[in-house]
Amino acid sequence: MENQAVQEFHVTYFDADCGRARSEVFDTLEDAERFACRHCHGEDSWAVVDAVTVERVQIAA
């Protein structure tokens, strides 16, 4: 069994259509920032990008 630390990027944002905070997960910072920018278009809109390190376990066959 081999552990690998992988970084993924979580975007938490306000969805004005439903009035709730939501989140999405991306593999690259560029994709996360692009998504966040698309959701910051109005006065009440906001988005936060967090880098998260995740331990992935790979089991040898």
Protein backbone atom coordinates (compact mmCIF):
# COMPACT_ATOMS: atom_id res chain seq x y z
CA MET A 1 0.00 0.00 0.00
CA GLU A 2 1.39 3.41 -0.98
CA ASN A 3 0.27 6.82 0.31
CA GLN A 4 0.45 9.81 -1.98
CA ALA A 5 -0.27 13.39 -0.92
CA VAL A 6 -2.17 15.22 -3.63
CA GLN A 7 -3.22 18.84 -3.65
CA GLU A 8 -6.68 19.79 -4.84
CA PHE A 9 -8.40 23.15 -4.87
CA HIS A 10 -11.78 23.80 -3.28
CA VAL A 11 -13.84 26.78 -4.40
CA THR A 12 -16.57 27.92 -2.02
CA TYR A 13 -18.86 30.49 -3.59
CA PHE A 14 -22.23 32.19 -3.23
CA ASP A 15 -24.79 30.97 -5.76
CA ALA A 16 -27.16 33.91 -6.21
CA ASP A 17 -29.65 31.76 -8.16
CA CYS A 18 -30.52 29.72 -5.09
CA GLY A 19 -29.20 32.02 -2.34
CA ARG A 20 -26.82 29.41 -0.90
CA ALA A 21 -23.10 28.86 -0.52
CA ARG A 22 -21.82 25.98 -2.63
CA SER A 23 -18.46 24.36 -3.32
CA GLU A 24 -16.63 22.68 -6.19
CA VAL A 25 -13.33 20.76 -6.29
CA PHE A 26 -10.66 21.23 -8.98
CA ASP A 27 -7.35 19.54 -9.79
CA THR A 28 -5.50 22.73 -10.74
CA LEU A 29 -5.28 26.18 -9.23
CA GLU A 30 -5.84 27.76 -12.64
CA ASP A 31 -9.16 25.96 -13.11
CA ALA A 32 -10.25 26.85 -9.58
CA GLU A 33 -9.40 30.53 -10.03
CA ARG A 34 -11.13 30.67 -13.41
CA PHE A 35 -14.28 29.16 -11.88
CA ALA A 36 -14.12 31.56 -8.91
CA CYS A 37 -13.78 34.58 -11.21
CA ARG A 38 -16.89 33.55 -13.16
CA HIS A 39 -18.90 33.61 -9.91
CA CYS A 40 -17.71 37.04 -8.74
CA HIS A 41 -19.78 39.24 -11.00
CA GLY A 42 -22.11 41.16 -8.69
CA GLU A 43 -21.98 43.22 -5.53
CA ASP A 44 -23.15 40.30 -3.36
CA SER A 45 -21.08 37.64 -5.15
CA TRP A 46 -18.01 36.09 -3.58
CA ALA A 47 -15.75 33.07 -3.99
CA VAL A 48 -12.85 31.65 -1.97
CA VAL A 49 -10.18 29.25 -3.28
CA ASP A 50 -8.55 26.91 -0.74
CA ALA A 51 -5.63 24.58 -1.47
CA VAL A 52 -6.23 21.26 0.31
CA THR A 53 -3.72 18.44 0.69
CA VAL A 54 -5.40 15.05 0.47
CA GLU A 55 -3.82 11.70 1.29
CA ARG A 56 -4.66 9.23 -1.44
CA VAL A 57 -4.07 5.57 -0.73
CA GLN A 58 -3.12 3.32 -3.63
CA ILE A 59 -3.39 -0.41 -2.99
CA ALA A 60 -1.05 -2.65 -4.93
CA ALA A 61 -2.71 -5.57 -6.67
